[in-house]
Protein backbone atom coordinates (compact mmCIF):
# COMPACT_ATOMS: atom_id res chain seq x y z
CA SER A 1 11.63 -14.83 13.26
CA LEU A 2 13.37 -11.57 14.11
CA ASN A 3 15.54 -10.36 16.97
CA VAL A 4 16.46 -6.76 17.78
CA GLU A 5 18.76 -5.35 20.46
CA GLY A 6 19.71 -1.80 21.32
CA SER A 7 19.03 1.41 19.42
CA GLN A 8 18.10 0.75 15.77
CA LYS A 9 16.35 2.66 12.98
CA ILE A 10 14.62 -0.12 11.01
CA ALA A 11 12.78 0.51 7.73
CA LEU A 12 9.96 -1.95 7.02
CA ILE A 13 9.52 -1.99 3.23
CA GLY A 14 7.58 -4.04 0.69
CA ASP A 15 4.92 -3.81 -1.99
CA ASN A 16 1.52 -2.24 -1.34
CA GLY A 17 -0.81 -4.81 0.17
CA SER A 18 2.05 -7.11 1.26
CA GLY A 19 1.09 -6.78 4.94
CA LYS A 20 3.42 -4.07 6.32
CA SER A 21 0.72 -2.20 8.26
CA THR A 22 -0.72 -5.48 9.56
CA PHE A 23 2.72 -6.54 10.83
CA LEU A 24 3.26 -3.18 12.53
CA LYS A 25 -0.16 -3.49 14.22
CA MET A 26 0.82 -6.99 15.41
CA LEU A 27 4.02 -5.56 16.93
CA SER A 28 1.96 -2.88 18.68
CA GLY A 29 -0.60 -5.39 19.99
CA LEU A 30 -3.49 -3.97 17.95
CA GLU A 31 -3.71 -7.03 15.66
CA PRO A 32 -3.91 -10.59 17.08
CA VAL A 33 -1.14 -13.11 16.32
CA GLU A 34 -2.43 -16.45 14.96
CA GLU A 35 0.80 -18.42 15.46
CA GLY A 36 4.11 -17.68 17.14
CA SER A 37 4.71 -14.90 19.65
CA ILE A 38 6.02 -11.36 20.01
CA MET A 39 8.09 -10.70 23.13
CA TRP A 40 9.23 -7.23 24.14
CA GLY A 41 11.81 -6.45 26.81
CA LYS A 42 10.42 -5.82 30.29
CA GLY A 43 9.06 -2.36 31.07
CA LEU A 44 9.46 -0.93 27.54
CA LYS A 45 7.11 1.92 26.67
CA ILE A 46 5.90 1.52 23.07
CA GLY A 47 4.39 4.29 20.92
CA TYR A 48 2.45 3.63 17.69
CA LEU A 49 1.51 5.98 14.84
CA GLU A 50 -1.30 4.82 12.57
CA GLN A 51 -1.17 5.44 8.80
CA GLU A 52 -4.20 7.76 8.65
CA ILE A 53 -4.72 10.35 11.35
CA VAL A 54 -8.12 11.93 11.95
CA SER A 55 -8.52 14.87 14.31
CA ASP A 56 -11.69 14.98 16.40
CA THR A 57 -10.93 18.33 18.01
CA PHE A 58 -10.20 20.99 15.39
CA GLU A 59 -9.68 21.40 11.67
CA VAL A 60 -6.05 21.14 10.60
CA SER A 61 -4.34 19.89 7.42
CA GLY A 62 -3.06 16.33 7.05
CA GLY A 63 0.51 17.56 7.53
CA GLU A 64 -0.35 19.56 10.66
CA LYS A 65 -2.11 16.54 12.19
CA LYS A 66 1.02 14.45 11.60
CA ILE A 67 3.33 17.09 13.09
CA LEU A 68 1.30 17.33 16.30
CA ARG A 69 1.20 13.54 16.74
CA LEU A 70 4.91 13.08 15.91
CA ALA A 71 5.92 15.79 18.39
CA GLU A 72 3.85 14.02 21.07
CA LEU A 73 5.53 10.66 20.32
CA PHE A 74 9.14 11.87 20.07
CA TYR A 75 9.05 14.29 22.99
CA SER A 76 7.54 11.75 25.39
CA ASP A 77 9.50 8.98 27.10
CA TYR A 78 8.89 6.12 24.65
CA ASP A 79 11.56 3.42 24.27
CA VAL A 80 10.10 2.04 21.02
CA LEU A 81 8.28 3.85 18.20
CA LEU A 82 6.30 1.97 15.53
CA LEU A 83 5.54 4.45 12.75
CA ASP A 84 3.28 3.76 9.75
CA GLU A 85 4.12 6.21 6.92
CA PRO A 86 4.79 9.15 9.29
CA ASP A 87 6.38 11.32 6.59
CA ASN A 88 3.28 11.38 4.35
CA HIS A 89 1.75 14.89 4.14
CA LEU A 90 4.85 16.56 5.63
CA ASP A 91 6.28 19.54 3.73
CA ALA A 92 10.02 19.79 2.95
CA GLU A 93 10.88 21.70 6.13
CA HIS A 94 9.08 19.22 8.38
CA LYS A 95 10.52 16.24 6.49
CA ASP A 96 13.96 17.54 7.50
CA TRP A 97 12.71 18.11 11.07
CA PHE A 98 11.34 14.57 11.20
CA LYS A 99 14.54 13.07 9.73
CA GLU A 100 16.59 14.68 12.52
CA LEU A 101 14.13 13.42 15.16
CA VAL A 102 14.64 9.86 13.90
CA LYS A 103 18.43 10.15 13.76
CA ASP A 104 18.59 11.59 17.30
CA PHE A 105 16.15 9.11 18.88
CA SER A 106 17.96 6.88 21.38
CA GLY A 107 15.58 3.91 21.31
CA LEU A 108 14.22 1.51 18.67
CA ILE A 109 12.22 2.73 15.67
CA VAL A 110 10.42 0.49 13.14
CA ILE A 111 9.14 2.69 10.34
CA ILE A 112 7.18 2.21 7.12
CA SER A 113 8.25 4.84 4.59
CA HIS A 114 8.48 5.14 0.82
CA ASP A 115 10.64 8.29 0.75
CA ARG A 116 13.95 7.31 -0.85
CA ASN A 117 15.82 10.34 0.49
CA PHE A 118 14.67 9.65 4.07
CA LEU A 119 15.38 5.91 3.85
CA SER A 120 18.90 6.54 2.57
CA GLU A 121 19.80 9.12 5.22
CA ALA A 122 17.97 8.05 8.39
CA THR A 123 17.62 4.24 8.53
CA THR A 124 20.29 1.74 9.59
CA ARG A 125 18.57 -1.61 8.95
CA ILE A 126 16.01 -2.98 6.47
CA TRP A 127 13.20 -5.47 6.97
CA LEU A 128 11.88 -6.51 3.55
CA LEU A 129 8.40 -8.04 3.60
CA GLU A 130 8.14 -10.19 0.47
CA GLU A 131 6.63 -13.61 -0.29
CA LYS A 132 4.91 -13.55 3.17
CA LYS A 133 8.33 -13.55 4.89
CA ILE A 134 10.57 -10.84 6.31
CA ALA A 135 14.21 -10.76 5.22
CA ASP A 136 16.54 -8.91 7.60
CA TYR A 137 19.34 -6.74 6.15
CA SER A 138 21.72 -5.28 8.75
CA PHE A 139 22.54 -2.11 6.80
CA GLY A 140 20.86 0.97 5.35
CA TYR A 141 18.72 1.48 2.26
CA THR A 142 21.42 2.50 -0.24
CA LYS A 143 23.46 -0.66 0.33
CA PHE A 144 20.26 -2.74 0.52
CA ARG A 145 19.24 -1.73 -3.02
CA GLN A 146 22.58 -2.88 -4.41
CA ILE A 147 22.63 -6.17 -2.45
CA TYR A 148 18.98 -6.97 -3.14
CA GLU A 149 19.35 -6.52 -6.90
CA GLN A 150 22.43 -8.78 -6.87
CA GLU A 151 20.59 -11.39 -4.79
CA MET A 152 17.59 -11.44 -7.13
CA ALA A 153 19.82 -11.72 -10.22
CA SER A 154 21.82 -14.59 -8.64
CA ARG A 155 18.67 -16.36 -7.47
CA GLN A 156 17.07 -16.07 -10.91
CA HIS A 157 20.19 -17.49 -12.56
CA LEU A 158 20.42 -20.37 -10.06
CA TRP A 159 16.70 -21.15 -10.35
CA GLU A 160 16.90 -21.27 -14.16
CA SER A 161 19.88 -23.63 -13.96
CA GLN A 162 18.13 -25.86 -11.40
CA GLU A 163 14.90 -25.82 -13.40
CA LYS A 164 16.76 -27.19 -16.43
CA GLU A 165 18.16 -30.00 -14.26
CA ARG A 166 14.71 -30.66 -12.75
CA MET A 167 13.23 -31.07 -16.25
CA ARG A 168 16.09 -33.43 -17.20
CA LEU A 169 15.50 -35.58 -14.10
CA LYS A 170 11.77 -35.56 -14.79
CA ASP A 171 12.41 -36.90 -18.31
CA VAL A 172 14.56 -39.67 -16.76
CA VAL A 173 11.72 -40.58 -14.40
CA GLU A 174 9.25 -40.70 -17.32
CA TRP A 175 11.64 -42.86 -19.38
CA PHE A 176 11.96 -45.45 -16.58
CA ARG A 177 8.25 -45.27 -15.71
CA ALA A 178 7.27 -46.22 -19.27
CA ARG A 179 9.52 -49.32 -19.13
CA ALA A 180 9.19 -50.34 -15.45
CA VAL A 181 6.24 -52.68 -16.09
CA ALA A 182 8.37 -54.96 -18.30
CA SER A 183 11.34 -55.39 -15.96
CA VAL A 184 11.93 -55.72 -12.19
CA LYS A 185 15.37 -54.18 -12.68
CA LEU A 186 13.90 -51.16 -14.48
CA ALA A 187 11.18 -50.90 -11.82
CA LYS A 188 13.88 -50.48 -9.17
CA ALA A 189 15.67 -47.95 -11.35
CA TYR A 190 12.35 -46.08 -11.74
CA HIS A 191 11.84 -45.84 -7.94
CA SER A 192 15.45 -44.71 -7.54
CA ALA A 193 14.96 -42.02 -10.21
CA VAL A 194 11.78 -40.81 -8.47
CA LYS A 195 13.63 -40.48 -5.14
CA ARG A 196 16.50 -38.62 -6.81
CA TYR A 197 14.02 -36.29 -8.52
CA GLU A 198 12.10 -35.57 -5.27
CA LYS A 199 15.33 -34.96 -3.32
CA PHE A 200 16.53 -32.52 -5.97
CA VAL A 201 13.19 -30.64 -6.01
CA ASP A 202 13.35 -30.28 -2.21
CA SER A 203 16.82 -28.74 -2.48
CA MET A 204 15.90 -26.19 -5.18
CA VAL A 205 15.78 -22.47 -4.44
CA GLU A 206 12.33 -20.94 -4.62
CA LYS A 207 11.46 -19.25 -7.88
CA PRO A 208 12.10 -15.50 -7.50
CA PRO A 209 8.93 -13.41 -7.11
CA LYS A 210 7.56 -12.26 -10.43
CA ALA A 211 8.39 -8.61 -10.94
CA THR A 212 5.19 -6.60 -10.59
CA LYS A 213 4.80 -4.47 -13.66
CA LEU A 214 2.67 -1.36 -13.72
CA ASP A 215 2.43 -0.16 -17.29
CA LEU A 216 1.45 3.52 -17.33
CA LYS A 217 0.84 4.76 -20.85
CA LEU A 218 -1.13 7.49 -22.57
CA ASP A 219 -1.78 8.16 -26.23
CA LEU A 220 -1.90 11.94 -26.58
CA GLY A 221 -2.47 13.69 -29.86
CA LYS A 222 0.34 15.92 -31.19
CA GLN A 223 0.31 19.27 -29.42
CA HIS A 224 2.10 22.47 -30.35
CA ARG A 225 4.60 23.30 -27.62
CA ARG A 226 3.58 26.98 -27.59
CA LYS A 227 -0.10 26.18 -27.15
CA THR A 228 -1.49 27.26 -23.78
CA ALA A 229 -2.34 24.39 -21.46
CA LEU A 230 -3.37 26.60 -18.51
CA HIS A 231 -3.59 30.36 -18.04
CA VAL A 232 -4.25 31.73 -14.54
CA GLN A 233 -4.42 35.51 -14.06
CA GLY A 234 -4.99 37.61 -10.96
CA LEU A 235 -6.45 34.69 -8.99
CA THR A 236 -7.70 35.57 -5.50
CA LYS A 237 -9.34 33.46 -2.81
CA SER A 238 -10.18 34.10 0.84
CA PHE A 239 -11.87 32.04 3.53
CA GLY A 240 -13.57 34.54 5.80
CA LYS A 241 -10.91 37.09 6.79
CA ASN A 242 -8.08 34.71 5.84
CA SER A 243 -6.64 35.67 2.42
CA VAL A 244 -5.08 32.53 0.88
CA LEU A 245 -4.40 33.62 -2.73
CA ALA A 246 -3.68 37.30 -3.41
CA GLY A 247 -3.34 37.53 -7.20
CA VAL A 248 -1.78 34.34 -8.54
CA ASN A 249 -0.52 34.32 -12.14
CA LEU A 250 0.65 31.27 -14.11
CA HIS A 251 1.04 30.54 -17.82
CA LEU A 252 1.68 26.86 -18.55
CA PHE A 253 2.32 25.59 -22.06
CA CYS A 254 1.66 22.12 -23.50
CA GLY A 255 4.49 19.74 -22.62
CA GLU A 256 5.73 21.97 -19.80
CA LYS A 257 6.28 20.34 -16.38
CA ILE A 258 6.38 22.39 -13.21
CA ALA A 259 6.36 21.80 -9.45
CA ILE A 260 4.80 24.04 -6.81
CA SER A 261 6.70 24.23 -3.53
CA ALA A 262 5.30 25.66 -0.30
CA PRO A 263 4.86 24.81 3.38
CA ASN A 264 1.70 23.06 4.53
CA GLY A 265 -1.24 25.45 4.92
CA SER A 266 0.06 27.96 2.33
CA GLY A 267 -2.77 27.36 -0.15
CA LYS A 268 -1.37 24.81 -2.64
CA SER A 269 -4.40 22.53 -2.43
CA THR A 270 -6.72 25.58 -2.64
CA LEU A 271 -4.98 26.66 -5.85
CA LEU A 272 -5.25 23.18 -7.36
CA ASN A 273 -8.93 22.86 -6.37
CA LEU A 274 -9.67 26.21 -8.06
CA VAL A 275 -7.93 25.08 -11.28
CA MET A 276 -9.86 21.79 -11.18
CA GLY A 277 -13.16 23.64 -10.69
CA LYS A 278 -13.82 22.21 -7.22
CA LEU A 279 -13.81 25.70 -5.67
CA GLU A 280 -15.01 29.11 -6.91
CA GLN A 281 -12.45 31.91 -7.00
CA ASP A 282 -13.18 35.38 -5.54
CA GLY A 283 -11.43 37.12 -8.43
CA GLY A 284 -9.25 36.54 -11.46
CA THR A 285 -9.55 34.08 -14.35
CA ILE A 286 -8.64 30.44 -15.05
CA ARG A 287 -8.52 29.14 -18.62
CA ILE A 288 -7.73 25.60 -19.75
CA GLY A 289 -6.34 25.25 -23.28
CA ASP A 290 -8.94 24.59 -26.00
CA GLY A 291 -9.87 20.92 -26.33
CA LEU A 292 -7.57 19.79 -23.50
CA LYS A 293 -8.64 17.26 -20.86
CA VAL A 294 -7.49 17.59 -17.26
CA GLY A 295 -6.54 14.61 -15.07
CA CYS A 296 -6.44 15.15 -11.29
CA TYR A 297 -4.91 13.23 -8.40
CA ALA A 298 -6.18 14.28 -4.95
CA GLN A 299 -4.00 14.09 -1.85
CA GLU A 300 -6.91 12.79 0.25
CA HIS A 301 -8.44 9.59 -1.20
CA LEU A 302 -11.88 10.42 0.23
CA GLU A 303 -12.01 13.47 -2.05
CA ALA A 304 -11.57 11.33 -5.16
CA LEU A 305 -12.99 7.90 -4.30
CA ASP A 306 -16.38 6.63 -3.10
CA GLU A 307 -15.31 3.97 -0.62
CA ASN A 308 -18.64 2.11 -0.84
CA ASN A 309 -18.22 1.45 -4.57
CA SER A 310 -16.51 -1.58 -6.01
CA MET A 311 -13.32 -0.82 -7.95
CA VAL A 312 -15.15 -1.40 -11.24
CA GLU A 313 -17.96 0.98 -10.26
CA GLU A 314 -15.41 3.58 -9.23
CA LEU A 315 -13.59 3.34 -12.57
CA GLN A 316 -16.89 3.52 -14.46
CA ARG A 317 -17.58 6.87 -12.76
CA SER A 318 -14.67 8.27 -14.80
CA VAL A 319 -14.97 6.42 -18.11
CA PRO A 320 -17.87 4.52 -19.74
CA LEU A 321 -16.27 1.06 -19.86
CA ALA A 322 -18.18 -2.23 -19.99
CA TYR A 323 -17.66 -4.48 -16.94
CA TYR A 324 -15.16 -6.89 -18.52
CA ASP A 325 -13.25 -4.04 -20.18
CA ALA A 326 -13.03 -2.31 -16.80
CA VAL A 327 -11.72 -5.52 -15.17
CA ALA A 328 -9.09 -5.96 -17.91
CA TYR A 329 -8.01 -2.31 -17.50
CA LEU A 330 -7.68 -2.58 -13.70
CA LYS A 331 -5.57 -5.74 -14.01
CA LYS A 332 -2.95 -3.59 -15.78
CA PHE A 333 -2.61 -1.73 -12.47
CA MET A 334 -1.71 -4.95 -10.60
CA PHE A 335 -5.14 -5.65 -9.11
CA GLY A 336 -6.28 -9.28 -8.84
CA HIS A 337 -9.71 -10.44 -10.05
CA ASP A 338 -11.15 -10.98 -6.55
CA GLN A 339 -9.77 -7.65 -5.38
CA ILE A 340 -11.42 -5.84 -8.28
CA LYS A 341 -14.84 -7.03 -7.12
CA SER A 342 -14.32 -5.81 -3.53
CA GLN A 343 -15.24 -2.40 -2.12
CA VAL A 344 -12.77 0.47 -2.29
CA ARG A 345 -12.78 0.82 1.52
CA LEU A 346 -11.04 -2.58 1.83
CA LEU A 347 -7.98 -1.41 -0.13
CA SER A 348 -4.72 -0.34 1.50
CA GLY A 349 -3.60 3.29 1.17
CA GLY A 350 -1.19 2.37 -1.63
CA GLN A 351 -3.84 0.39 -3.50
CA LYS A 352 -6.21 3.38 -3.32
CA SER A 353 -3.40 5.50 -4.77
CA ARG A 354 -3.05 3.06 -7.65
CA LEU A 355 -6.82 3.15 -8.23
CA GLN A 356 -6.69 6.94 -8.41
CA LEU A 357 -3.90 6.68 -11.01
CA ALA A 358 -5.98 4.18 -12.99
CA LYS A 359 -9.03 6.46 -12.91
CA PHE A 360 -7.50 9.65 -14.20
CA LEU A 361 -5.20 7.98 -16.75
CA ALA A 362 -8.25 6.23 -18.26
CA GLU A 363 -9.44 9.69 -19.34
CA ASN A 364 -6.25 10.21 -21.42
CA PRO A 365 -5.59 13.69 -19.96
CA ASP A 366 -3.52 16.40 -21.68
CA LEU A 367 -2.87 18.25 -18.40
CA LEU A 368 -2.01 16.37 -15.18
CA ILE A 369 -2.52 17.97 -11.78
CA LEU A 370 -0.97 15.80 -9.08
CA ASP A 371 -1.25 16.63 -5.37
CA GLU A 372 1.25 14.48 -3.40
CA PRO A 373 0.89 11.43 -5.71
CA THR A 374 3.60 9.34 -3.99
CA ASN A 375 1.90 9.29 -0.57
CA HIS A 376 1.20 5.62 0.25
CA LEU A 377 2.78 4.28 -2.99
CA ASP A 378 5.41 1.57 -2.50
CA LEU A 379 8.95 2.17 -3.75
CA LYS A 380 8.55 0.15 -6.93
CA THR A 381 5.41 2.04 -7.93
CA VAL A 382 7.03 5.41 -7.13
CA LEU A 383 9.80 4.56 -9.62
CA VAL A 384 7.24 3.49 -12.26
CA LEU A 385 5.30 6.74 -11.75
CA GLU A 386 8.52 8.76 -11.98
CA ASN A 387 9.49 7.14 -15.29
CA PHE A 388 5.98 7.68 -16.64
CA LEU A 389 5.98 11.38 -15.73
CA LYS A 390 9.41 11.84 -17.30
CA SER A 391 8.14 10.45 -20.61
CA TYR A 392 4.66 12.04 -20.39
CA GLU A 393 4.15 14.42 -23.33
CA GLY A 394 1.42 16.59 -21.80
CA ALA A 395 1.60 19.45 -19.29
CA LEU A 396 2.13 18.72 -15.60
CA ILE A 397 1.59 20.55 -12.32
CA LEU A 398 3.18 18.57 -9.51
CA VAL A 399 2.85 19.24 -5.80
CA SER A 400 5.20 16.87 -4.00
CA HIS A 401 7.63 16.85 -1.10
CA ASP A 402 9.47 13.90 -2.67
CA ARG A 403 12.69 15.69 -3.62
CA GLU A 404 13.95 12.99 -5.96
CA LEU A 405 10.67 12.93 -7.88
CA VAL A 406 10.67 16.72 -8.32
CA ARG A 407 14.33 16.80 -9.32
CA ASN A 408 13.91 14.00 -11.87
CA VAL A 409 10.62 15.08 -13.48
CA VAL A 410 10.06 18.85 -13.68
CA THR A 411 12.00 21.69 -15.33
CA LYS A 412 10.67 24.63 -13.25
CA VAL A 413 9.82 25.06 -9.59
CA TYR A 414 7.43 27.75 -8.36
CA GLU A 415 6.99 28.88 -4.77
CA LEU A 416 3.60 29.79 -3.32
CA LYS A 417 4.25 32.35 -0.60
CA ASN A 418 2.12 35.10 0.91
CA GLY A 419 -0.61 34.29 -1.58
CA LEU A 420 1.59 34.79 -4.66
CA LEU A 421 3.24 32.33 -7.07
CA THR A 422 6.86 33.00 -8.05
CA GLU A 423 9.30 30.98 -10.16
CA ILE A 424 12.25 30.23 -7.86
CA TYR A 425 14.47 28.14 -10.07
CA GLU A 426 14.69 26.28 -13.34
CA LEU A 427 16.13 22.79 -13.63
CA ALA A 428 18.21 21.93 -16.70
CA GLU A 429 16.52 19.45 -19.06
CA GLU A 430 18.54 16.31 -19.72
């Protein structure tokens, strides 16, 4: 049960698959309510942004589709906006533009987002969807993280203390039960002990949710740091009369981690697709280091996943694992047994992201090419991915508009502008 009055910027957060998108659809009237009711104020005009946007009119990038739809929503006369991951696919400039739109909006916004920078700066209230309930926190994301961690620690401590007492009372019940047959007096004491035990159990706090653990690990052979991981020279690519790459050069060594920064539509995905062999260049050369394997993460799931396959079949496309080995491997990525048998199309956006991670990590790659890997991932998984990339010993090319991820993982940032790649700054290694 939730109640909202006045202008608020509410972040709806929770793990992938917890039901955030379903709840937002229920608020918008697109998903039926089985029990209870949703009541909006009279005459309110409500706008809704779905998680995946498909254009039926003309070809534009994912980011451009989002920008057009967001402009339509914010510059109309809506009183309420329900936004499902609106900042996915936006470049840095448009993330700032969107953040200001949210801050300046005079009505109510309920937004699903996994961008830590945006959540900290633009939201004023948190709805946490966990354990099939929504907890309401009347403050922003930064304070929420501190309070939530304290709450979980306190709850865990209290539950452990109560669990010890529950076990003690249970032993008392068992002691009286074993002797109740021989004595009326002990039989009464037994029933009294049972009542005391049941009353105590009813008053116990619920056991805290088990921390979901995604264990990302690779076992790479020792590589010489001055060995070439990727050498790109004089790379050119045009689509018709539109020149996208005009002589790109890049020399990446083993263990080196870089990010590529550029606005949407500048050719980042084209460059990555050329390196991965998905496109043919017009000119120039691309060389992967001898004996090195490349792991790729595509921004659009449909490029990387066959949605009609089961998760096991999809994994087996990448690595030759037996069925039960594939199931065991997927369980490490927090997928349940029934889920593993279902088709990929039934997964949420975040679950598809996790499946992509599982697929390319199974190949034990020496060079990672990641195109917007945090889109759709929940906050916990973003942190796990960040820690993995920090400790990863191979070479990395990262395209991401998640500023914290870039700042915490890479040591160099390149800009793709006017078809050329230029190093713009170097970050100090810790």
